[in-house]
N, C-alpha and C. Protein backbone atom coordinates (compact mmCIF):
# COMPACT_ATOMS: atom_id res chain seq x y z
N UNK A 1 45.91 52.10 82.74
CA UNK A 1 45.57 50.77 82.31
C UNK A 1 46.82 49.90 82.51
N UNK A 2 46.61 48.62 82.70
CA UNK A 2 47.74 47.73 82.96
C UNK A 2 47.45 46.33 82.44
N UNK A 3 48.52 45.60 82.25
CA UNK A 3 48.42 44.23 81.75
C UNK A 3 49.61 43.44 82.29
N UNK A 4 49.38 42.18 82.69
CA UNK A 4 48.10 41.47 82.71
C UNK A 4 47.22 41.96 83.85
N UNK A 5 45.99 41.51 83.85
CA UNK A 5 45.03 41.90 84.89
C UNK A 5 44.93 40.74 85.88
N UNK A 6 45.47 40.90 87.10
CA UNK A 6 45.49 39.78 88.04
C UNK A 6 44.09 39.33 88.48
N UNK A 7 43.11 40.21 88.39
CA UNK A 7 41.75 39.86 88.79
C UNK A 7 41.04 39.01 87.73
N UNK A 8 41.62 38.91 86.54
CA UNK A 8 41.02 38.13 85.46
C UNK A 8 41.43 36.67 85.63
N UNK A 9 40.58 35.91 86.29
CA UNK A 9 40.84 34.49 86.50
C UNK A 9 40.52 33.72 85.23
N UNK A 10 40.97 32.48 85.17
CA UNK A 10 40.62 31.63 84.03
C UNK A 10 39.12 31.46 83.92
N UNK A 11 38.43 31.32 85.06
CA UNK A 11 36.98 31.17 85.05
C UNK A 11 36.30 32.41 84.48
N UNK A 12 36.74 33.58 84.91
CA UNK A 12 36.15 34.83 84.40
C UNK A 12 36.43 34.99 82.91
N UNK A 13 37.63 34.65 82.49
CA UNK A 13 37.97 34.70 81.07
C UNK A 13 37.05 33.79 80.26
N UNK A 14 36.88 32.55 80.72
CA UNK A 14 36.01 31.60 80.01
C UNK A 14 34.58 32.10 79.96
N UNK A 15 34.11 32.71 81.04
CA UNK A 15 32.75 33.28 81.04
C UNK A 15 32.63 34.40 80.02
N UNK A 16 33.63 35.26 79.93
CA UNK A 16 33.59 36.35 78.95
C UNK A 16 33.51 35.79 77.54
N UNK A 17 34.29 34.76 77.27
CA UNK A 17 34.29 34.16 75.94
C UNK A 17 32.96 33.49 75.64
N UNK A 18 32.47 32.65 76.57
CA UNK A 18 31.25 31.86 76.29
C UNK A 18 29.97 32.68 76.41
N UNK A 19 29.96 33.69 77.29
CA UNK A 19 28.73 34.47 77.50
C UNK A 19 28.64 35.70 76.61
N UNK A 20 29.78 36.21 76.13
CA UNK A 20 29.75 37.47 75.38
C UNK A 20 30.37 37.33 73.99
N UNK A 21 31.62 36.92 73.92
CA UNK A 21 32.34 36.93 72.65
C UNK A 21 31.74 35.93 71.66
N UNK A 22 31.62 34.67 72.07
CA UNK A 22 31.09 33.65 71.15
C UNK A 22 29.65 33.95 70.72
N UNK A 23 28.74 34.34 71.63
CA UNK A 23 27.38 34.69 71.17
C UNK A 23 27.36 35.89 70.22
N UNK A 24 28.25 36.85 70.44
CA UNK A 24 28.32 38.01 69.55
C UNK A 24 28.77 37.58 68.16
N UNK A 25 29.82 36.76 68.10
CA UNK A 25 30.31 36.26 66.80
C UNK A 25 29.24 35.41 66.12
N UNK A 26 28.54 34.57 66.89
CA UNK A 26 27.49 33.72 66.31
C UNK A 26 26.35 34.57 65.76
N UNK A 27 25.98 35.64 66.45
CA UNK A 27 24.91 36.52 65.98
C UNK A 27 25.30 37.21 64.68
N UNK A 28 26.55 37.64 64.57
CA UNK A 28 27.01 38.27 63.33
C UNK A 28 26.98 37.27 62.17
N UNK A 29 27.42 36.04 62.45
CA UNK A 29 27.37 35.00 61.40
C UNK A 29 25.92 34.73 60.99
N UNK A 30 25.01 34.64 61.97
CA UNK A 30 23.60 34.35 61.68
C UNK A 30 22.96 35.44 60.84
N UNK A 31 23.44 36.67 60.97
CA UNK A 31 22.92 37.79 60.19
C UNK A 31 23.60 37.89 58.83
N UNK A 32 24.49 36.95 58.53
CA UNK A 32 25.19 36.99 57.25
C UNK A 32 26.34 37.97 57.24
N UNK A 33 26.81 38.36 58.42
CA UNK A 33 27.91 39.31 58.54
C UNK A 33 29.03 38.72 59.40
N UNK A 34 29.63 37.62 58.96
CA UNK A 34 30.69 37.04 59.78
C UNK A 34 31.84 38.03 59.93
N UNK A 35 32.42 38.07 61.10
CA UNK A 35 33.46 39.05 61.39
C UNK A 35 34.83 38.39 61.47
N UNK A 36 35.78 38.97 60.77
CA UNK A 36 37.18 38.56 60.86
C UNK A 36 38.00 39.81 61.09
N UNK A 37 38.74 39.82 62.17
CA UNK A 37 39.57 40.97 62.46
C UNK A 37 39.65 41.21 63.95
N UNK A 38 40.07 42.40 64.30
CA UNK A 38 40.20 42.78 65.70
C UNK A 38 38.84 43.23 66.21
N UNK A 39 38.41 42.64 67.30
CA UNK A 39 37.17 43.06 67.96
C UNK A 39 37.52 43.38 69.41
N UNK A 40 37.46 44.65 69.74
CA UNK A 40 37.74 45.10 71.10
C UNK A 40 36.43 45.07 71.88
N UNK A 41 36.41 44.33 72.97
CA UNK A 41 35.23 44.29 73.83
C UNK A 41 35.56 45.01 75.13
N UNK A 42 34.90 46.13 75.36
CA UNK A 42 35.03 46.84 76.62
C UNK A 42 34.03 46.24 77.60
N UNK A 43 34.53 45.50 78.58
CA UNK A 43 33.67 44.80 79.53
C UNK A 43 33.89 45.34 80.94
N UNK A 44 32.85 45.23 81.76
CA UNK A 44 32.96 45.61 83.16
C UNK A 44 32.32 44.51 84.00
N UNK A 45 32.92 44.25 85.14
CA UNK A 45 32.37 43.25 86.06
C UNK A 45 31.48 43.99 87.05
N UNK A 46 30.21 43.60 87.11
CA UNK A 46 29.26 44.20 88.04
C UNK A 46 28.79 43.12 89.02
N UNK A 47 27.97 43.53 89.99
CA UNK A 47 27.40 42.55 90.92
C UNK A 47 26.49 41.58 90.18
N UNK A 48 25.98 42.00 89.03
CA UNK A 48 25.10 41.14 88.22
C UNK A 48 25.88 40.34 87.18
N UNK A 49 27.20 40.43 87.18
CA UNK A 49 28.02 39.70 86.23
C UNK A 49 28.68 40.61 85.21
N UNK A 50 29.25 40.00 84.18
CA UNK A 50 29.93 40.76 83.13
C UNK A 50 28.92 41.53 82.28
N UNK A 51 29.24 42.78 81.98
CA UNK A 51 28.40 43.62 81.13
C UNK A 51 29.28 44.26 80.05
N UNK A 52 28.67 44.47 78.89
CA UNK A 52 29.38 45.09 77.76
C UNK A 52 29.21 46.60 77.83
N UNK A 53 30.33 47.31 77.82
CA UNK A 53 30.30 48.77 77.72
C UNK A 53 30.30 49.19 76.26
N UNK A 54 31.13 48.51 75.46
CA UNK A 54 31.25 48.87 74.05
C UNK A 54 31.98 47.78 73.29
N UNK A 55 31.77 47.78 71.98
CA UNK A 55 32.57 46.98 71.05
C UNK A 55 33.18 47.95 70.05
N UNK A 56 34.42 47.70 69.68
CA UNK A 56 35.08 48.47 68.62
C UNK A 56 35.76 47.51 67.67
N UNK A 57 35.74 47.83 66.39
CA UNK A 57 36.41 47.03 65.37
C UNK A 57 37.82 47.55 65.17
N UNK A 58 38.53 47.66 66.26
CA UNK A 58 39.92 48.15 66.28
C UNK A 58 40.48 47.83 67.66
N UNK A 59 41.77 48.04 67.81
CA UNK A 59 42.37 47.90 69.12
C UNK A 59 41.91 49.05 70.01
N UNK A 60 41.76 48.80 71.28
CA UNK A 60 41.40 49.84 72.23
C UNK A 60 42.60 50.73 72.52
N UNK A 61 42.33 51.96 72.87
CA UNK A 61 43.36 52.93 73.21
C UNK A 61 42.97 53.51 74.56
N UNK A 62 43.75 53.34 75.60
CA UNK A 62 45.15 52.94 75.66
C UNK A 62 45.39 51.45 75.91
N UNK A 63 44.34 50.64 75.86
CA UNK A 63 44.49 49.22 76.18
C UNK A 63 45.58 48.54 75.35
N UNK A 64 45.61 48.84 74.06
CA UNK A 64 46.63 48.20 73.20
C UNK A 64 48.04 48.62 73.60
N UNK A 65 48.17 49.76 74.27
CA UNK A 65 49.48 50.26 74.66
C UNK A 65 50.07 49.49 75.84
N UNK A 66 49.27 48.65 76.50
CA UNK A 66 49.81 47.76 77.52
C UNK A 66 49.80 46.31 77.07
N UNK A 67 48.98 45.98 76.09
CA UNK A 67 48.89 44.60 75.61
C UNK A 67 49.99 44.32 74.58
N UNK A 68 50.10 45.16 73.57
CA UNK A 68 51.05 44.88 72.48
C UNK A 68 52.51 44.87 72.93
N UNK A 69 52.95 45.73 73.86
CA UNK A 69 54.35 45.62 74.29
C UNK A 69 54.68 44.29 74.98
N UNK A 70 53.69 43.59 75.48
CA UNK A 70 53.90 42.29 76.13
C UNK A 70 53.82 41.13 75.15
N UNK A 71 53.35 41.39 73.94
CA UNK A 71 53.18 40.32 72.95
C UNK A 71 54.52 39.92 72.37
N UNK A 72 54.83 38.63 72.45
CA UNK A 72 56.07 38.11 71.87
C UNK A 72 55.84 37.52 70.48
N UNK A 73 54.60 37.25 70.14
CA UNK A 73 54.27 36.73 68.81
C UNK A 73 54.34 37.86 67.79
N UNK A 74 54.40 37.50 66.53
CA UNK A 74 54.42 38.47 65.44
C UNK A 74 52.98 38.91 65.17
N UNK A 75 52.68 40.17 65.44
CA UNK A 75 51.33 40.69 65.28
C UNK A 75 50.86 40.58 63.83
N UNK A 76 51.74 40.86 62.88
CA UNK A 76 51.36 40.79 61.46
C UNK A 76 50.95 39.36 61.10
N UNK A 77 51.69 38.38 61.59
CA UNK A 77 51.34 36.99 61.32
C UNK A 77 49.97 36.64 61.91
N UNK A 78 49.69 37.13 63.11
CA UNK A 78 48.39 36.88 63.73
C UNK A 78 47.27 37.53 62.93
N UNK A 79 47.48 38.76 62.48
CA UNK A 79 46.46 39.45 61.69
C UNK A 79 46.26 38.75 60.35
N UNK A 80 47.35 38.32 59.72
CA UNK A 80 47.23 37.55 58.47
C UNK A 80 46.44 36.27 58.70
N UNK A 81 46.69 35.60 59.81
CA UNK A 81 45.95 34.37 60.14
C UNK A 81 44.47 34.66 60.30
N UNK A 82 44.14 35.80 60.90
CA UNK A 82 42.72 36.17 61.06
C UNK A 82 42.08 36.42 59.70
N UNK A 83 42.77 37.14 58.84
CA UNK A 83 42.25 37.45 57.51
C UNK A 83 42.05 36.17 56.70
N UNK A 84 43.00 35.24 56.83
CA UNK A 84 42.95 33.99 56.06
C UNK A 84 42.07 32.92 56.69
N UNK A 85 41.44 33.22 57.83
CA UNK A 85 40.56 32.25 58.48
C UNK A 85 41.28 31.10 59.15
N UNK A 86 42.54 31.32 59.53
CA UNK A 86 43.28 30.24 60.19
C UNK A 86 43.84 30.69 61.54
N UNK A 87 43.14 31.61 62.18
CA UNK A 87 43.59 32.10 63.48
C UNK A 87 43.63 30.98 64.51
N UNK A 88 42.76 30.00 64.37
CA UNK A 88 42.74 28.87 65.30
C UNK A 88 44.05 28.07 65.26
N UNK A 89 44.82 28.23 64.21
CA UNK A 89 46.11 27.54 64.09
C UNK A 89 47.25 28.35 64.69
N UNK A 90 47.02 29.62 64.93
CA UNK A 90 48.08 30.52 65.39
C UNK A 90 48.26 30.42 66.90
N UNK A 91 49.47 30.75 67.33
CA UNK A 91 49.77 30.77 68.75
C UNK A 91 50.15 32.19 69.14
N UNK A 92 49.58 32.67 70.21
CA UNK A 92 49.92 33.99 70.71
C UNK A 92 50.73 33.81 71.99
N UNK A 93 51.98 34.27 71.96
CA UNK A 93 52.88 34.14 73.10
C UNK A 93 53.03 35.48 73.80
N UNK A 94 53.07 35.41 75.13
CA UNK A 94 53.12 36.62 75.95
C UNK A 94 54.33 36.63 76.87
N UNK A 95 54.89 37.79 77.08
CA UNK A 95 55.93 37.98 78.08
C UNK A 95 55.28 37.93 79.46
N UNK A 96 56.04 37.49 80.44
CA UNK A 96 55.57 37.51 81.83
C UNK A 96 55.69 38.90 82.44
N UNK A 97 56.30 39.82 81.71
CA UNK A 97 56.49 41.17 82.25
C UNK A 97 55.15 41.89 82.38
N UNK A 98 55.15 42.93 83.14
CA UNK A 98 53.97 43.74 83.42
C UNK A 98 54.10 45.05 82.65
N UNK A 99 52.97 45.57 82.17
CA UNK A 99 52.96 46.88 81.50
C UNK A 99 51.92 47.77 82.18
N UNK A 100 52.29 49.02 82.39
CA UNK A 100 51.39 50.03 82.96
C UNK A 100 51.41 51.24 82.05
N UNK A 101 50.23 51.75 81.71
CA UNK A 101 50.12 52.95 80.87
C UNK A 101 49.37 54.04 81.63
N UNK A 102 49.95 55.22 81.64
CA UNK A 102 49.33 56.40 82.25
C UNK A 102 49.03 57.39 81.14
N UNK A 103 47.78 57.82 81.05
CA UNK A 103 47.38 58.80 80.04
C UNK A 103 47.60 60.20 80.61
N UNK A 104 48.30 61.03 79.85
CA UNK A 104 48.50 62.43 80.21
C UNK A 104 47.51 63.25 79.40
N UNK A 105 46.68 64.02 80.11
CA UNK A 105 45.58 64.74 79.46
C UNK A 105 45.77 66.25 79.55
N UNK A 106 45.04 66.95 78.69
CA UNK A 106 45.04 68.41 78.69
C UNK A 106 44.23 68.93 79.87
N UNK A 107 44.59 70.11 80.34
CA UNK A 107 43.82 70.76 81.39
C UNK A 107 42.38 70.94 80.93
N UNK A 108 41.43 70.62 81.81
CA UNK A 108 40.02 70.73 81.46
C UNK A 108 39.40 69.45 80.96
N UNK A 109 40.23 68.52 80.44
CA UNK A 109 39.70 67.26 79.93
C UNK A 109 39.10 66.47 81.08
N UNK A 110 37.93 65.87 80.95
CA UNK A 110 37.19 65.56 79.74
C UNK A 110 36.24 66.65 79.27
N UNK A 111 36.24 67.79 79.91
CA UNK A 111 35.43 68.91 79.44
C UNK A 111 36.19 69.72 78.40
N UNK A 112 35.92 71.02 78.36
CA UNK A 112 36.62 71.90 77.43
C UNK A 112 38.10 71.98 77.78
N UNK A 113 38.93 72.01 76.78
CA UNK A 113 40.37 72.09 77.00
C UNK A 113 41.00 72.92 75.89
N UNK A 114 42.14 73.52 76.22
CA UNK A 114 42.86 74.32 75.24
C UNK A 114 43.81 73.44 74.45
N UNK A 115 44.04 73.83 73.21
CA UNK A 115 44.98 73.13 72.34
C UNK A 115 46.17 74.04 72.06
N UNK A 116 47.20 73.45 71.48
CA UNK A 116 48.36 74.23 71.06
C UNK A 116 49.38 74.50 72.14
N UNK A 117 49.31 73.79 73.26
CA UNK A 117 50.28 73.99 74.35
C UNK A 117 51.56 73.22 74.01
N UNK A 118 52.72 73.91 73.99
CA UNK A 118 53.99 73.22 73.69
C UNK A 118 54.29 72.15 74.74
N UNK A 119 54.79 71.01 74.27
CA UNK A 119 55.10 69.88 75.15
C UNK A 119 56.62 69.76 75.26
N UNK A 120 57.12 69.74 76.49
CA UNK A 120 58.55 69.56 76.75
C UNK A 120 58.78 68.22 77.43
N UNK A 121 59.99 67.71 77.29
CA UNK A 121 60.38 66.50 78.02
C UNK A 121 60.06 65.19 77.33
N UNK A 122 59.54 65.23 76.10
CA UNK A 122 59.20 63.98 75.41
C UNK A 122 60.43 63.11 75.18
N UNK A 123 61.53 63.71 74.79
CA UNK A 123 62.76 62.96 74.56
C UNK A 123 63.29 62.33 75.83
N UNK A 124 63.20 63.08 76.94
CA UNK A 124 63.66 62.55 78.22
C UNK A 124 62.85 61.33 78.62
N UNK A 125 61.53 61.41 78.45
CA UNK A 125 60.66 60.29 78.82
C UNK A 125 60.93 59.08 77.93
N UNK A 126 61.00 59.31 76.62
CA UNK A 126 61.19 58.21 75.67
C UNK A 126 62.55 57.54 75.84
N UNK A 127 63.54 58.27 76.37
CA UNK A 127 64.88 57.70 76.55
C UNK A 127 64.99 56.83 77.80
N UNK A 128 63.99 56.86 78.65
CA UNK A 128 64.04 56.06 79.87
C UNK A 128 63.92 54.58 79.54
N UNK A 129 64.62 53.77 80.32
CA UNK A 129 64.63 52.33 80.11
C UNK A 129 63.23 51.74 80.25
N UNK A 130 62.84 50.93 79.27
CA UNK A 130 61.56 50.20 79.28
C UNK A 130 60.34 51.13 79.25
N UNK A 131 60.48 52.31 78.65
CA UNK A 131 59.38 53.28 78.56
C UNK A 131 59.09 53.56 77.09
N UNK A 132 57.80 53.65 76.76
CA UNK A 132 57.35 54.03 75.43
C UNK A 132 56.35 55.18 75.58
N UNK A 133 56.45 56.18 74.73
CA UNK A 133 55.52 57.30 74.75
C UNK A 133 54.70 57.25 73.46
N UNK A 134 53.39 57.08 73.62
CA UNK A 134 52.47 57.01 72.48
C UNK A 134 51.75 58.35 72.34
N UNK A 135 51.78 58.91 71.15
CA UNK A 135 51.11 60.18 70.89
C UNK A 135 49.65 59.92 70.56
N UNK A 136 48.77 60.73 71.12
CA UNK A 136 47.33 60.65 70.83
C UNK A 136 46.86 62.01 70.35
N UNK A 137 46.71 62.95 71.27
CA UNK A 137 46.26 64.29 70.90
C UNK A 137 47.43 65.25 70.80
N UNK A 138 48.29 65.01 69.80
CA UNK A 138 49.43 65.91 69.56
C UNK A 138 49.49 66.26 68.09
N UNK A 139 50.22 67.31 67.80
CA UNK A 139 50.55 67.63 66.41
C UNK A 139 51.85 68.41 66.40
N UNK A 140 52.47 68.45 65.23
CA UNK A 140 53.72 69.18 65.08
C UNK A 140 53.42 70.55 64.49
N UNK A 141 53.95 71.57 65.12
CA UNK A 141 53.88 72.93 64.60
C UNK A 141 55.33 73.41 64.48
N UNK A 142 55.77 73.57 63.25
CA UNK A 142 57.18 73.88 62.96
C UNK A 142 58.03 72.77 63.58
N UNK A 143 58.89 73.10 64.54
CA UNK A 143 59.76 72.07 65.14
C UNK A 143 59.32 71.71 66.55
N UNK A 144 58.07 72.02 66.89
CA UNK A 144 57.57 71.81 68.25
C UNK A 144 56.36 70.86 68.23
N UNK A 145 56.30 69.94 69.19
CA UNK A 145 55.11 69.11 69.39
C UNK A 145 54.20 69.85 70.36
N UNK A 146 52.92 69.99 69.99
CA UNK A 146 51.97 70.71 70.83
C UNK A 146 50.74 69.83 71.08
N UNK A 147 49.96 70.21 72.08
CA UNK A 147 48.74 69.48 72.39
C UNK A 147 47.70 69.75 71.31
N UNK A 148 46.91 68.71 71.00
CA UNK A 148 45.87 68.85 69.97
C UNK A 148 44.63 68.05 70.33
N UNK A 149 44.54 67.62 71.57
CA UNK A 149 43.39 66.82 71.98
C UNK A 149 43.31 66.72 73.48
N UNK A 150 42.27 66.06 73.96
CA UNK A 150 42.08 65.90 75.39
C UNK A 150 43.05 64.89 75.99
N UNK A 151 43.06 63.69 75.40
CA UNK A 151 44.05 62.68 75.82
C UNK A 151 45.27 62.89 74.94
N UNK A 152 46.32 63.41 75.52
CA UNK A 152 47.48 63.87 74.76
C UNK A 152 48.49 62.75 74.51
N UNK A 153 48.86 62.04 75.55
CA UNK A 153 49.90 61.02 75.45
C UNK A 153 49.53 59.79 76.28
N UNK A 154 49.99 58.64 75.85
CA UNK A 154 49.96 57.43 76.67
C UNK A 154 51.39 57.06 76.98
N UNK A 155 51.74 57.01 78.25
CA UNK A 155 53.10 56.69 78.66
C UNK A 155 53.10 55.29 79.27
N UNK A 156 53.73 54.35 78.57
CA UNK A 156 53.73 52.95 78.98
C UNK A 156 55.12 52.55 79.45
N UNK A 157 55.16 51.79 80.54
CA UNK A 157 56.42 51.25 81.04
C UNK A 157 56.25 49.77 81.33
N UNK A 158 57.33 49.03 81.11
CA UNK A 158 57.37 47.60 81.42
C UNK A 158 58.18 47.38 82.68
N UNK A 159 57.87 46.30 83.39
CA UNK A 159 58.62 45.95 84.59
C UNK A 159 58.38 44.51 84.96
N UNK A 160 59.14 44.04 85.93
CA UNK A 160 58.95 42.68 86.44
C UNK A 160 57.75 42.59 87.37
N UNK A 161 57.39 43.72 87.99
CA UNK A 161 56.25 43.78 88.90
C UNK A 161 55.40 45.00 88.53
N UNK A 162 54.17 45.04 89.04
CA UNK A 162 53.31 46.20 88.82
C UNK A 162 53.94 47.44 89.42
N UNK A 163 54.53 47.29 90.59
CA UNK A 163 55.16 48.43 91.24
C UNK A 163 56.27 49.00 90.38
N UNK A 164 57.15 48.13 89.88
CA UNK A 164 58.26 48.59 89.05
C UNK A 164 57.75 49.29 87.79
N UNK A 165 56.78 48.70 87.13
CA UNK A 165 56.24 49.29 85.90
C UNK A 165 55.54 50.62 86.20
N UNK A 166 54.76 50.67 87.27
CA UNK A 166 54.05 51.91 87.61
C UNK A 166 55.03 53.01 87.98
N UNK A 167 56.06 52.69 88.77
CA UNK A 167 57.04 53.70 89.14
C UNK A 167 57.76 54.24 87.91
N UNK A 168 58.11 53.36 86.98
CA UNK A 168 58.76 53.81 85.74
C UNK A 168 57.83 54.72 84.94
N UNK A 169 56.57 54.30 84.81
CA UNK A 169 55.61 55.10 84.03
C UNK A 169 55.45 56.48 84.64
N UNK A 170 55.29 56.57 85.95
CA UNK A 170 55.10 57.87 86.59
C UNK A 170 56.37 58.72 86.56
N UNK A 171 57.55 58.10 86.63
CA UNK A 171 58.80 58.88 86.46
C UNK A 171 58.82 59.52 85.08
N UNK A 172 58.44 58.75 84.07
CA UNK A 172 58.41 59.28 82.70
C UNK A 172 57.37 60.38 82.57
N UNK A 173 56.18 60.14 83.12
CA UNK A 173 55.11 61.15 83.08
C UNK A 173 55.59 62.45 83.72
N UNK A 174 56.28 62.33 84.85
CA UNK A 174 56.73 63.53 85.57
C UNK A 174 57.81 64.30 84.83
N UNK A 175 58.42 63.69 83.82
CA UNK A 175 59.43 64.41 83.03
C UNK A 175 58.81 65.16 81.85
N UNK A 176 57.52 64.92 81.61
CA UNK A 176 56.81 65.57 80.49
C UNK A 176 56.07 66.78 81.04
N UNK A 177 56.20 67.91 80.33
CA UNK A 177 55.60 69.14 80.82
C UNK A 177 54.85 69.88 79.71
N UNK A 178 53.63 70.29 80.04
CA UNK A 178 52.90 71.26 79.22
C UNK A 178 51.84 71.90 80.10
N UNK A 179 51.44 73.09 79.74
CA UNK A 179 50.48 73.84 80.55
C UNK A 179 49.17 73.06 80.69
N UNK A 180 48.76 72.84 81.94
CA UNK A 180 47.50 72.14 82.20
C UNK A 180 47.61 70.63 82.22
N UNK A 181 48.80 70.08 82.02
CA UNK A 181 48.95 68.62 81.99
C UNK A 181 48.49 68.00 83.30
N UNK A 182 47.74 66.91 83.18
CA UNK A 182 47.36 66.17 84.38
C UNK A 182 47.12 64.71 84.04
N UNK A 183 47.16 63.88 85.07
CA UNK A 183 46.92 62.45 84.89
C UNK A 183 46.39 61.89 86.21
N UNK A 184 45.81 60.72 86.11
CA UNK A 184 45.40 60.01 87.32
C UNK A 184 46.65 59.48 88.00
N UNK A 185 46.64 59.46 89.31
CA UNK A 185 47.78 58.97 90.09
C UNK A 185 47.50 57.63 90.75
N UNK A 186 46.41 56.98 90.31
CA UNK A 186 46.03 55.70 90.93
C UNK A 186 46.06 54.54 89.94
N UNK A 187 46.72 54.71 88.81
CA UNK A 187 46.74 53.65 87.81
C UNK A 187 47.45 52.42 88.38
N UNK A 188 46.82 51.28 88.20
CA UNK A 188 47.32 49.97 88.63
C UNK A 188 47.21 49.75 90.13
N UNK A 189 46.46 50.59 90.84
CA UNK A 189 46.38 50.43 92.30
C UNK A 189 45.78 49.09 92.69
N UNK A 190 44.83 48.58 91.90
CA UNK A 190 44.26 47.27 92.22
C UNK A 190 45.29 46.17 92.02
N UNK A 191 46.08 46.28 90.97
CA UNK A 191 47.13 45.29 90.73
C UNK A 191 48.22 45.40 91.79
N UNK A 192 48.54 46.62 92.20
CA UNK A 192 49.53 46.81 93.26
C UNK A 192 49.05 46.13 94.55
N UNK A 193 47.75 46.22 94.82
CA UNK A 193 47.20 45.57 96.01
C UNK A 193 47.40 44.06 95.92
N UNK A 194 47.33 43.50 94.71
CA UNK A 194 47.54 42.05 94.55
C UNK A 194 48.99 41.66 94.87
N UNK A 195 49.91 42.65 94.80
CA UNK A 195 51.31 42.41 95.17
C UNK A 195 51.56 42.76 96.63
N UNK A 196 50.50 43.20 97.33
CA UNK A 196 50.66 43.59 98.73
C UNK A 196 51.27 44.97 98.90
N UNK A 197 51.13 45.83 97.88
CA UNK A 197 51.70 47.17 97.91
C UNK A 197 50.57 48.18 98.00
N UNK A 198 50.67 49.12 98.94
CA UNK A 198 49.67 50.20 99.03
C UNK A 198 49.93 51.18 97.91
N UNK A 199 48.86 51.61 97.25
CA UNK A 199 49.00 52.55 96.13
C UNK A 199 49.30 53.94 96.62
């Protein structure tokens, strides 16, 4: 996953808001269930237009792992504004930097997978410049971090370009080792194409 999304034009953004988000919020209000808080909309662009895959009343994972590192505003202040009904007064500021997140999964995922595999290299990855390692399917056993789920880690890197961020993320991913570890090697390829870079 990556942020920002170069294919998301202002027109497409406005369509998502007016065709999906606002009608959804209006329907909840009409049912006497007004919503205040985080609403994650999983959307896909099809030949027939924007379609909803899912809604979640939480931040998306790993989507938040590329969005929040770019946020320059105070997240707590924004959430307080939402709770207090004054979000329209708040300003959300964003860095121009790019973020790319690569999910490292257990062998067999999304099917059956083994748990309890010791993970090495976490410190090396986390020590890399502009890299963050988010734990998902992990747990601590004594003094060792082991796998405990299908999606084990989200490795996010920041950069000035998609290429720089993707290269950093994959360098960090390659320093992490556990039995059966795998990840997609095409993350951000569409954004790389927008920079004129072959994935």
